Protein backbone atom coordinates (compact mmCIF):
# COMPACT_ATOMS: atom_id res chain seq x y z
CA MET A 1 5.06 79.26 2.42
CA PRO A 2 4.57 82.88 1.27
CA ARG A 3 6.31 85.59 3.25
CA ILE A 4 5.99 89.36 3.10
CA PHE A 5 9.10 91.42 3.80
CA ASP A 6 8.65 95.03 4.85
CA ASP A 7 12.33 95.83 5.61
CA ILE A 8 11.30 97.15 9.03
CA SER A 9 11.69 94.23 11.43
CA GLN A 10 14.37 92.43 9.39
CA GLN A 11 16.72 93.40 6.58
CA LEU A 12 15.32 92.34 3.24
CA LEU A 13 18.56 91.12 1.67
CA THR A 14 19.55 89.02 4.69
CA ALA A 15 16.12 87.40 4.85
CA LEU A 16 15.94 86.80 1.09
CA ARG A 17 19.36 85.19 0.93
CA ALA A 18 18.56 82.91 3.88
CA THR A 19 15.28 81.89 2.25
CA LEU A 20 16.77 81.31 -1.20
CA GLU A 21 19.56 79.13 0.21
CA THR A 22 16.96 76.42 0.91
CA ALA A 23 14.42 77.22 -1.83
CA SER A 24 13.81 75.33 -5.07
CA HIS A 25 11.74 78.11 -6.66
CA ALA A 26 10.73 81.71 -5.95
CA ASP A 27 7.99 84.16 -6.91
CA PHE A 28 8.45 87.88 -6.33
CA SER A 29 5.99 90.74 -6.75
CA VAL A 30 7.58 94.19 -6.63
CA GLY A 31 6.61 97.74 -7.49
CA TYR A 32 10.11 98.71 -8.61
CA PHE A 33 13.06 96.65 -9.81
CA ASN A 34 16.73 97.58 -10.01
CA LEU A 35 19.06 95.17 -11.83
CA ARG A 36 22.00 96.19 -9.64
CA GLY A 37 20.14 94.80 -6.65
CA TRP A 38 19.59 91.50 -8.43
CA GLN A 39 23.38 90.90 -8.33
CA ALA A 40 23.05 90.34 -4.59
CA LEU A 41 20.84 87.28 -5.23
CA ASP A 42 21.78 85.86 -8.61
CA ASP A 43 24.47 83.52 -7.26
CA LEU A 44 21.77 81.61 -5.38
CA ILE A 45 19.46 81.28 -8.40
CA GLU A 46 21.71 80.88 -11.44
CA SER A 47 22.26 77.14 -10.88
CA TRP A 48 18.53 76.36 -10.75
CA ASP A 49 17.22 74.03 -13.49
CA PRO A 50 13.91 75.20 -15.02
CA GLY A 51 13.43 71.71 -16.46
CA GLN A 52 13.20 70.45 -12.87
CA GLY A 53 10.68 73.16 -11.88
CA GLN A 54 13.33 75.36 -10.29
CA LEU A 55 12.00 78.72 -11.43
CA CYS A 56 12.30 82.31 -10.34
CA ARG A 57 9.42 84.52 -11.43
CA VAL A 58 9.33 88.29 -10.94
CA LEU A 59 6.16 90.36 -11.40
CA ILE A 60 7.02 94.06 -11.70
CA GLY A 61 4.56 96.92 -11.64
CA MET A 62 2.18 99.00 -9.63
CA HIS A 63 -1.55 99.46 -9.86
CA LEU A 64 -2.64 103.00 -10.69
CA HIS A 65 -6.00 104.17 -9.41
CA PRO A 66 -8.33 105.55 -12.09
CA PHE A 67 -7.99 109.07 -10.67
CA GLU A 68 -4.19 109.00 -11.09
CA ASP A 69 -2.93 110.37 -14.37
CA ALA A 70 -0.30 108.05 -15.84
CA HIS A 71 0.79 110.59 -18.47
């Protein structure tokens, strides 16, 4: 079931680790991504087998409104 973490009512890392301990796949959508932070989760995902559908997908990016100058 999808969950949204806002890091206000619960710590994100604690909740993510608890969720990933029982997960067989994961989809993340984030505005920013820091590889150093990934080290806190990779031990739970590295043993997954993509051939068995155990995938971790990460969508990174933010939508810019037309009035925002991206340059």
